[in-house]
Amino acid sequence: MNIEILAIGDELLIGQTINTNASWLGQELSKIGARVTRSVVVADDSARIIEALENAYPETNCIIITGGLGPTKDDITKHTLCSYFGTHLEMHPPTLAKIEAYFTSRNRPMLETNIQQAALPVDCEILPNNYGTAAGMLFEKEGRYCVSLPGVPYEMKGIVTEELIPRLLQRFQLKAMYHYTALTQGIGESFLAEQISDWEDRIRARGFGLAYLPSPGLVKLRITSFEGKEDQAEIMQFFQELASRLPEAVFGYEADTLPEVCGSLLKKNNMTIGTVESCTSGLLAQQITSISGASDYFMGSLLTYSNDLKHRLCDVSIDAILSEGVVSERVAMEMAQNGAKKLGVDVCISTTGVAGPTGGSVDKPVGLVWIGLSISGRTVARKFQFGDNRERNIQMTVLSALNWLRYELSQR
């Protein structure tokens, strides 16, 4: 079953509102075996809405429209669909009763515009809205379905879950696809693809889908079976092979996060941790402590942004700062090693770098970062060269530090 999503709203086009409805619909529809083939956003304009309907792919079975069903004059979807499907509005008593009950329960006056929301197209199937006043509508024309839903996310989700999905399952023989996702860090999409090209070829030859989903510092790899969960074991075998080939990159699956994975490993190894941070300004400690129960292993942090505090709080030698600079291997190692002693922890991570966009030099360009790691008395440091965006540099420093920690702990 092929589905197109048509979102209506000027607020979506100007970026005032994020179109989260399309993302949610894609996820939920894929669970029942439906495939979203296109997602379109158009203005609050009848001509644009009709144009989008007429230009749907020939193989599309259903178009799902969100937005434009409220009580105000700019909510034109209902009237546009009446024109498109050659029908007219009539008062729908069950919907009117729901609207009346909605306002009565909230002790609010019901205006004429609210009453008119119960005027619905005659030639459509009404999808009750148990969370608001705008009912959903299901049309059929020449074997293709068209569904109109309110744009308010919780109302749309309620109608889809309670009304639309059961109807789609009745009308179509659907078989739910199965997705599973591996999470990697520290390896770029193109380099990753080159490293696993033979692995990817075997996946595709088996008839599975493979998607690369990159974001700053991370690449997700999603395998899809179009036959459903019966292929779960085989897909897991592919991912086990991936993890054995790239143990420093693969850190988890599905909804795992690096703070969660690191926390579990710290607990497993009965180890405590602290941080000494410069360029990350406490974000590394914040990420570690974002997990409930982090107090079991996280002891504290030293935020040493200035050279003076690196020396006074963490005993970084003046000689190291003057001779090699604060963004250097030696300073990163002294921060981590001395931080472990000061904080009394088994593991200490340090960060020092040029986050940018100013402050770089020929020898130490923007994006240069040194991360130090002291673990059970052994201290090492790694050099990273990120980009020229300050926010991304800080974010990628945190991700790189956590993934390095995760790998070291996993080898114990």
Protein backbone atom coordinates (compact mmCIF):
# COMPACT_ATOMS: atom_id res chain seq x y z
CA MET A 1 0.00 0.00 0.00
CA ASN A 2 1.45 3.35 -1.10
CA ILE A 3 0.57 6.51 0.81
CA GLU A 4 1.25 10.18 0.20
CA ILE A 5 1.14 12.77 2.97
CA LEU A 6 -0.15 16.25 2.16
CA ALA A 7 0.40 18.82 4.93
CA ILE A 8 -1.42 22.14 4.63
CA GLY A 9 -0.34 25.34 6.33
CA ASP A 10 1.55 28.54 5.69
CA GLU A 11 3.08 28.17 9.16
CA LEU A 12 4.85 25.01 7.98
CA LEU A 13 6.25 26.70 4.88
CA ILE A 14 7.70 29.70 6.71
CA GLY A 15 9.26 27.48 9.36
CA GLN A 16 7.12 28.75 12.21
CA THR A 17 5.88 25.22 12.93
CA ILE A 18 7.83 21.97 12.46
CA ASN A 19 5.94 19.31 10.50
CA THR A 20 6.16 16.58 13.13
CA ASN A 21 2.93 15.03 11.84
CA ALA A 22 4.63 13.67 8.72
CA SER A 23 7.40 12.05 10.76
CA TRP A 24 4.92 10.39 13.12
CA LEU A 25 2.69 9.20 10.28
CA GLY A 26 5.65 7.66 8.48
CA GLN A 27 6.63 5.70 11.56
CA GLU A 28 3.12 4.50 12.41
CA LEU A 29 2.11 3.58 8.89
CA SER A 30 5.28 1.58 8.29
CA LYS A 31 4.38 -0.53 11.34
CA ILE A 32 1.28 -1.84 9.58
CA GLY A 33 3.06 -2.42 6.26
CA ALA A 34 2.03 0.77 4.46
CA ARG A 35 4.68 2.70 2.57
CA VAL A 36 4.89 6.49 2.49
CA THR A 37 6.19 7.36 -0.98
CA ARG A 38 5.98 11.14 -0.83
CA SER A 39 5.38 13.96 1.67
CA VAL A 40 4.32 17.39 0.40
CA VAL A 41 3.62 20.72 2.13
CA VAL A 42 1.42 23.34 0.48
CA ALA A 43 0.02 26.73 1.44
CA ASP A 44 -3.50 27.42 2.72
CA ASP A 45 -4.74 27.82 -0.83
CA SER A 46 -7.46 25.83 -2.59
CA ALA A 47 -5.69 25.80 -5.95
CA ARG A 48 -2.50 24.44 -4.38
CA ILE A 49 -4.38 21.73 -2.49
CA ILE A 50 -6.23 20.57 -5.62
CA GLU A 51 -3.02 20.66 -7.65
CA ALA A 52 -1.30 18.42 -5.08
CA LEU A 53 -4.21 15.96 -5.17
CA GLU A 54 -4.23 15.80 -8.95
CA ASN A 55 -0.46 15.31 -9.13
CA ALA A 56 -0.35 12.32 -6.79
CA TYR A 57 1.66 9.35 -8.04
CA PRO A 58 -0.43 6.93 -10.15
CA GLU A 59 0.41 4.04 -7.81
CA THR A 60 -0.72 5.92 -4.69
CA ASN A 61 -3.53 4.12 -2.84
CA CYS A 62 -4.24 6.76 -0.22
CA ILE A 63 -3.53 10.45 0.35
CA ILE A 64 -3.49 11.62 3.96
CA ILE A 65 -4.08 15.34 4.43
CA THR A 66 -3.30 17.11 7.70
CA GLY A 67 -4.28 20.66 8.57
CA GLY A 68 -6.84 23.30 7.65
CA LEU A 69 -9.86 21.89 9.53
CA GLY A 70 -10.26 24.42 12.33
CA PRO A 71 -13.05 26.93 13.03
CA THR A 72 -11.37 30.00 11.49
CA LYS A 73 -11.79 31.42 7.99
CA ASP A 74 -8.34 30.34 6.83
CA ASP A 75 -9.24 26.67 7.43
CA ILE A 76 -10.31 25.86 3.88
CA THR A 77 -9.55 22.16 3.50
CA LYS A 78 -13.13 20.94 4.06
CA HIS A 79 -14.58 23.33 1.47
CA THR A 80 -11.82 22.55 -1.02
CA LEU A 81 -12.45 18.81 -0.72
CA CYS A 82 -16.17 19.33 -1.25
CA SER A 83 -15.37 21.09 -4.51
CA TYR A 84 -12.84 18.45 -5.56
CA PHE A 85 -15.09 15.47 -4.82
CA GLY A 86 -18.28 17.13 -6.10
CA THR A 87 -20.24 17.06 -2.86
CA HIS A 88 -21.71 19.52 -0.35
CA LEU A 89 -21.83 20.11 3.39
CA GLU A 90 -24.63 19.06 5.72
CA MET A 91 -24.87 19.14 9.49
CA HIS A 92 -23.68 15.85 10.96
CA PRO A 93 -25.63 15.28 14.21
CA PRO A 94 -23.19 12.86 15.89
CA THR A 95 -20.32 15.29 15.34
CA LEU A 96 -22.41 18.22 16.56
CA ALA A 97 -23.24 16.29 19.71
CA LYS A 98 -19.53 15.64 20.30
CA ILE A 99 -18.72 19.33 19.85
CA GLU A 100 -21.47 20.35 22.26
CA ALA A 101 -20.21 17.86 24.83
CA TYR A 102 -16.65 19.11 24.33
CA PHE A 103 -17.56 22.72 25.20
CA THR A 104 -19.97 21.77 27.97
CA SER A 105 -17.35 19.67 29.75
CA ARG A 106 -14.96 22.64 29.69
CA ASN A 107 -17.62 25.17 30.69
CA ARG A 108 -16.89 27.25 27.61
CA PRO A 109 -19.34 28.97 25.24
CA MET A 110 -19.86 27.36 21.83
CA LEU A 111 -19.71 29.86 18.96
CA GLU A 112 -21.30 29.61 15.53
CA THR A 113 -17.91 28.85 14.03
CA ASN A 114 -17.67 25.84 16.33
CA ILE A 115 -21.11 24.66 15.30
CA GLN A 116 -20.10 24.88 11.64
CA GLN A 117 -17.35 22.36 12.27
CA ALA A 118 -20.14 19.79 12.40
CA ALA A 119 -21.11 20.67 8.82
CA LEU A 120 -19.36 17.87 6.94
CA PRO A 121 -19.32 16.53 3.36
CA VAL A 122 -22.24 14.24 2.57
CA ASP A 123 -20.32 11.75 0.47
CA CYS A 124 -17.57 10.77 2.87
CA GLU A 125 -16.98 8.52 5.86
CA ILE A 126 -16.70 10.51 9.08
CA LEU A 127 -13.79 9.69 11.40
CA PRO A 128 -14.77 10.76 14.93
CA ASN A 129 -12.37 12.98 16.85
CA ASN A 130 -12.34 12.13 20.56
CA TYR A 131 -9.75 14.79 21.37
CA GLY A 132 -11.05 17.94 19.70
CA THR A 133 -13.77 19.44 17.51
CA ALA A 134 -12.58 18.78 13.94
CA ALA A 135 -13.71 15.38 12.63
CA GLY A 136 -11.66 13.43 10.14
CA MET A 137 -13.04 12.62 6.68
CA LEU A 138 -12.46 9.63 4.42
CA PHE A 139 -13.25 9.97 0.70
CA GLU A 140 -12.96 7.47 -2.11
CA LYS A 141 -12.59 8.33 -5.78
CA GLU A 142 -11.69 5.97 -8.62
CA GLY A 143 -10.26 3.39 -6.23
CA ARG A 144 -8.09 5.87 -4.35
CA TYR A 145 -8.72 6.98 -0.78
CA CYS A 146 -8.27 10.49 0.51
CA VAL A 147 -8.22 11.15 4.24
CA SER A 148 -8.43 14.61 5.79
CA LEU A 149 -7.29 15.03 9.39
CA PRO A 150 -6.82 17.99 11.74
CA GLY A 151 -3.31 19.38 12.00
CA VAL A 152 -3.21 19.47 15.81
CA PRO A 153 -0.80 16.58 16.52
CA TYR A 154 -2.60 14.92 19.44
CA GLU A 155 -5.95 15.10 17.63
CA MET A 156 -4.44 13.73 14.42
CA LYS A 157 -2.70 10.90 16.27
CA GLY A 158 -5.91 9.94 18.07
CA ILE A 159 -7.93 9.69 14.86
CA VAL A 160 -5.21 7.76 13.04
CA THR A 161 -4.77 5.26 15.86
CA GLU A 162 -8.43 4.75 16.73
CA GLU A 163 -10.18 5.26 13.39
CA LEU A 164 -7.94 5.31 10.31
CA ILE A 165 -5.55 2.41 10.88
CA PRO A 166 -8.37 -0.08 11.65
CA ARG A 167 -10.08 0.95 8.39
CA LEU A 168 -6.90 0.59 6.35
CA LEU A 169 -6.32 -2.87 7.80
CA GLN A 170 -9.86 -3.84 6.77
CA ARG A 171 -9.49 -2.54 3.22
CA PHE A 172 -5.93 -3.65 2.39
CA GLN A 173 -4.00 -6.87 2.83
CA LEU A 174 -1.03 -5.40 4.69
CA LYS A 175 2.03 -7.09 6.05
CA ALA A 176 4.05 -5.01 8.48
CA MET A 177 7.66 -4.31 7.57
CA TYR A 178 10.37 -4.91 10.15
CA HIS A 179 13.07 -2.32 10.81
CA TYR A 180 16.13 -2.57 13.01
CA THR A 181 18.81 0.08 13.40
CA ALA A 182 22.45 0.03 14.44
CA LEU A 183 24.10 3.18 15.78
CA THR A 184 27.66 4.21 14.95
CA GLN A 185 29.89 7.07 16.01
CA GLY A 186 33.17 8.50 14.81
CA ILE A 187 33.06 7.23 11.23
CA GLY A 188 31.74 9.28 8.31
CA GLU A 189 28.97 8.02 6.05
CA SER A 190 31.09 7.68 2.90
CA PHE A 191 34.00 6.02 4.73
CA LEU A 192 31.59 3.68 6.50
CA ALA A 193 29.97 2.70 3.20
CA GLU A 194 33.40 1.91 1.75
CA GLN A 195 34.35 -0.21 4.76
CA ILE A 196 31.22 -2.36 4.60
CA SER A 197 30.47 -2.45 0.85
CA ASP A 198 30.58 -6.26 0.71
CA TRP A 199 28.32 -6.48 3.78
CA GLU A 200 25.88 -4.07 2.14
CA ASP A 201 25.89 -6.06 -1.11
CA ARG A 202 24.91 -9.24 0.74
CA ILE A 203 22.09 -7.43 2.54
CA ARG A 204 20.63 -6.10 -0.68
CA ALA A 205 21.09 -9.45 -2.43
CA ARG A 206 19.04 -11.01 0.34
CA GLY A 207 16.20 -8.63 -0.52
CA PHE A 208 16.51 -6.40 2.53
CA GLY A 209 16.61 -2.62 2.42
CA LEU A 210 19.54 -0.69 3.88
CA ALA A 211 19.47 3.01 4.74
CA TYR A 212 22.29 5.28 5.93
CA LEU A 213 20.92 7.96 8.31
CA PRO A 214 23.67 10.49 9.15
CA SER A 215 23.66 13.31 11.69
CA PRO A 216 26.57 15.29 13.21
CA GLY A 217 28.93 12.72 14.72
CA LEU A 218 26.60 9.78 14.18
CA VAL A 219 25.48 7.46 11.39
CA LYS A 220 22.53 5.11 11.83
CA LEU A 221 22.27 1.99 9.69
CA ARG A 222 18.73 0.67 9.27
CA ILE A 223 17.96 -2.73 7.75
CA THR A 224 14.39 -3.30 6.59
CA SER A 225 12.64 -6.58 5.90
CA PHE A 226 9.58 -6.24 3.71
CA GLU A 227 8.41 -9.67 4.90
CA GLY A 228 8.08 -8.67 8.54
CA LYS A 229 9.48 -9.77 11.86
CA GLU A 230 10.09 -13.33 10.67
CA ASP A 231 13.46 -12.09 9.34
CA GLN A 232 14.49 -10.63 12.71
CA ALA A 233 17.06 -13.31 13.54
CA GLU A 234 18.76 -13.02 10.14
CA ILE A 235 18.94 -9.25 10.42
CA MET A 236 20.49 -9.53 13.86
CA GLN A 237 23.16 -11.82 12.41
CA PHE A 238 24.07 -9.10 9.93
CA PHE A 239 24.36 -6.57 12.75
CA GLN A 240 26.44 -8.91 14.90
CA GLU A 241 28.87 -9.18 12.00
CA LEU A 242 28.93 -5.39 11.67
CA ALA A 243 29.71 -4.95 15.36
CA SER A 244 32.55 -7.48 15.20
CA ARG A 245 34.03 -5.71 12.16
CA LEU A 246 33.69 -2.18 13.56
CA PRO A 247 33.76 -2.50 17.37
CA GLU A 248 35.04 1.05 17.87
CA ALA A 249 32.16 2.51 15.84
CA VAL A 250 29.04 0.46 16.67
CA PHE A 251 27.82 1.56 20.09
CA GLY A 252 24.21 0.39 20.22
CA TYR A 253 20.89 -0.26 18.56
CA GLU A 254 17.50 1.36 18.13
CA ALA A 255 16.93 3.95 20.88
CA ASP A 256 20.24 3.41 22.72
CA THR A 257 22.22 6.52 23.63
CA LEU A 258 25.90 6.82 24.44
CA PRO A 259 25.24 8.13 27.99
CA GLU A 260 23.01 5.11 28.65
CA VAL A 261 25.50 2.63 27.22
CA CYS A 262 28.41 4.18 29.11
CA GLY A 263 26.41 4.25 32.34
CA SER A 264 25.56 0.57 32.05
CA LEU A 265 29.21 -0.33 31.44
CA LEU A 266 30.41 1.78 34.36
CA LYS A 267 27.94 -0.02 36.62
CA LYS A 268 28.93 -3.40 35.21
CA ASN A 269 32.61 -2.68 35.86
CA ASN A 270 31.86 -1.07 39.25
CA MET A 271 33.75 2.08 38.26
CA THR A 272 33.32 5.76 39.04
CA ILE A 273 33.85 8.66 36.64
CA GLY A 274 34.44 12.41 36.59
CA THR A 275 35.31 15.02 33.98
CA VAL A 276 37.68 17.95 33.57
CA GLU A 277 36.31 20.17 30.84
CA SER A 278 37.41 23.21 28.94
CA CYS A 279 35.95 23.48 25.42
CA THR A 280 32.83 21.46 26.26
CA SER A 281 31.96 23.80 29.16
CA GLY A 282 30.30 21.10 31.27
CA LEU A 283 28.24 19.53 28.48
CA LEU A 284 30.06 16.21 28.82
CA ALA A 285 29.15 16.01 32.52
CA GLN A 286 25.58 17.05 31.70
CA GLN A 287 25.25 14.24 29.17
CA ILE A 288 26.61 11.65 31.57
CA THR A 289 24.22 12.79 34.29
CA SER A 290 21.22 12.98 31.96
CA ILE A 291 20.61 9.32 32.83
CA SER A 292 18.58 8.44 35.90
CA GLY A 293 20.83 6.73 38.43
CA ALA A 294 24.00 8.47 37.24
CA SER A 295 24.83 9.28 40.86
CA ASP A 296 25.86 5.64 41.23
CA TYR A 297 28.96 6.28 39.13
CA PHE A 298 29.37 10.02 38.39
CA MET A 299 31.25 11.81 41.17
CA GLY A 300 31.72 15.34 39.82
CA SER A 301 33.43 17.66 37.37
CA LEU A 302 36.00 20.43 37.18
CA LEU A 303 35.10 23.17 34.71
CA THR A 304 38.50 24.72 33.94
CA TYR A 305 37.87 27.10 31.08
CA SER A 306 40.74 29.45 31.90
CA ASN A 307 44.44 28.60 31.91
CA ASP A 308 44.64 29.77 35.52
CA LEU A 309 41.99 27.32 36.71
CA LYS A 310 43.56 24.47 34.76
CA HIS A 311 46.68 25.10 36.84
CA ARG A 312 45.06 25.92 40.21
CA LEU A 313 42.25 23.35 40.21
CA CYS A 314 43.80 20.56 38.20
CA ASP A 315 47.56 21.03 38.67
CA VAL A 316 48.23 21.36 34.93
CA SER A 317 51.84 22.49 34.76
CA ILE A 318 52.64 26.04 33.67
CA ASP A 319 55.42 24.58 31.53
CA ALA A 320 52.93 22.45 29.55
CA ILE A 321 50.63 25.43 29.00
CA LEU A 322 53.43 27.77 27.90
CA SER A 323 55.49 25.35 25.84
CA GLU A 324 52.77 23.31 24.11
CA GLY A 325 49.61 25.36 24.55
CA VAL A 326 46.38 24.44 26.31
CA VAL A 327 45.10 22.61 23.24
CA SER A 328 47.69 19.86 23.25
CA GLU A 329 48.23 16.22 24.04
CA ARG A 330 50.24 16.96 27.16
CA VAL A 331 47.67 19.31 28.68
CA ALA A 332 44.79 16.92 27.89
CA MET A 333 46.68 14.09 29.59
CA GLU A 334 47.53 16.17 32.66
CA MET A 335 43.91 17.31 32.95
CA ALA A 336 42.65 13.71 32.85
CA GLN A 337 45.36 12.20 35.06
CA ASN A 338 45.28 14.91 37.72
CA GLY A 339 41.49 15.14 37.51
CA ALA A 340 41.18 11.46 38.38
CA LYS A 341 43.24 12.09 41.53
CA LYS A 342 41.45 15.31 42.52
CA LEU A 343 37.99 13.78 42.02
CA GLY A 344 38.92 10.37 43.40
CA VAL A 345 37.50 8.44 40.45
CA ASP A 346 38.46 5.37 38.44
CA VAL A 347 37.87 7.13 35.11
CA CYS A 348 38.37 10.76 34.15
CA ILE A 349 37.80 12.37 30.75
CA SER A 350 39.26 15.73 29.79
CA THR A 351 38.45 18.02 26.88
CA THR A 352 40.44 20.95 25.51
CA GLY A 353 40.05 22.46 22.07
CA VAL A 354 39.40 25.40 19.77
CA ALA A 355 35.61 25.38 19.42
CA GLY A 356 35.58 28.46 17.17
CA PRO A 357 34.62 30.28 15.14
CA THR A 358 37.42 32.55 16.42
CA GLY A 359 40.64 31.74 18.22
CA GLY A 360 42.23 29.41 15.70
CA SER A 361 45.77 29.59 14.30
CA VAL A 362 47.82 27.84 11.66
CA ASP A 363 49.15 25.35 14.20
CA LYS A 364 45.89 25.03 16.11
CA PRO A 365 42.99 25.59 13.71
CA VAL A 366 39.34 25.91 14.66
CA GLY A 367 37.92 22.46 15.32
CA LEU A 368 41.12 21.04 16.82
CA VAL A 369 40.31 19.09 19.99
CA TRP A 370 42.33 16.92 22.33
CA ILE A 371 40.47 14.44 24.57
CA GLY A 372 42.26 12.83 27.48
CA LEU A 373 41.21 9.59 29.15
CA SER A 374 42.55 8.31 32.44
CA ILE A 375 41.25 4.86 33.34
CA SER A 376 42.53 2.69 36.19
CA GLY A 377 45.81 4.61 36.34
CA ARG A 378 46.50 4.56 32.57
CA THR A 379 46.28 7.90 30.77
CA VAL A 380 46.16 8.52 27.02
CA ALA A 381 44.98 11.32 24.74
CA ARG A 382 43.53 11.50 21.24
CA LYS A 383 43.56 14.29 18.69
CA PHE A 384 40.43 15.18 16.71
CA GLN A 385 39.91 17.68 13.93
CA PHE A 386 36.32 18.73 13.53
CA GLY A 387 34.82 21.57 11.48
CA ASP A 388 34.28 25.31 11.82
CA ASN A 389 30.85 25.31 13.53
CA ARG A 390 31.13 25.95 17.26
CA GLU A 391 27.99 24.12 18.32
CA ARG A 392 28.76 21.03 16.23
CA ASN A 393 32.38 20.98 17.40
CA ILE A 394 31.27 20.88 21.03
CA GLN A 395 28.61 18.28 20.31
CA MET A 396 31.02 16.05 18.39
CA THR A 397 33.63 16.35 21.13
CA VAL A 398 31.14 15.02 23.66
CA LEU A 399 30.04 12.18 21.37
CA SER A 400 33.64 11.23 20.58
CA ALA A 401 34.61 11.25 24.26
CA LEU A 402 31.66 9.08 25.26
CA ASN A 403 32.18 6.59 22.44
CA TRP A 404 35.88 6.26 23.24
CA LEU A 405 34.92 5.64 26.88
CA ARG A 406 32.30 3.10 25.78
CA TYR A 407 34.84 1.18 23.70
CA GLU A 408 37.47 1.13 26.47
CA LEU A 409 34.95 -0.11 29.03
CA SER A 410 33.59 -2.76 26.65
CA GLN A 411 37.08 -4.29 26.35
CA ARG A 412 37.43 -4.88 30.07
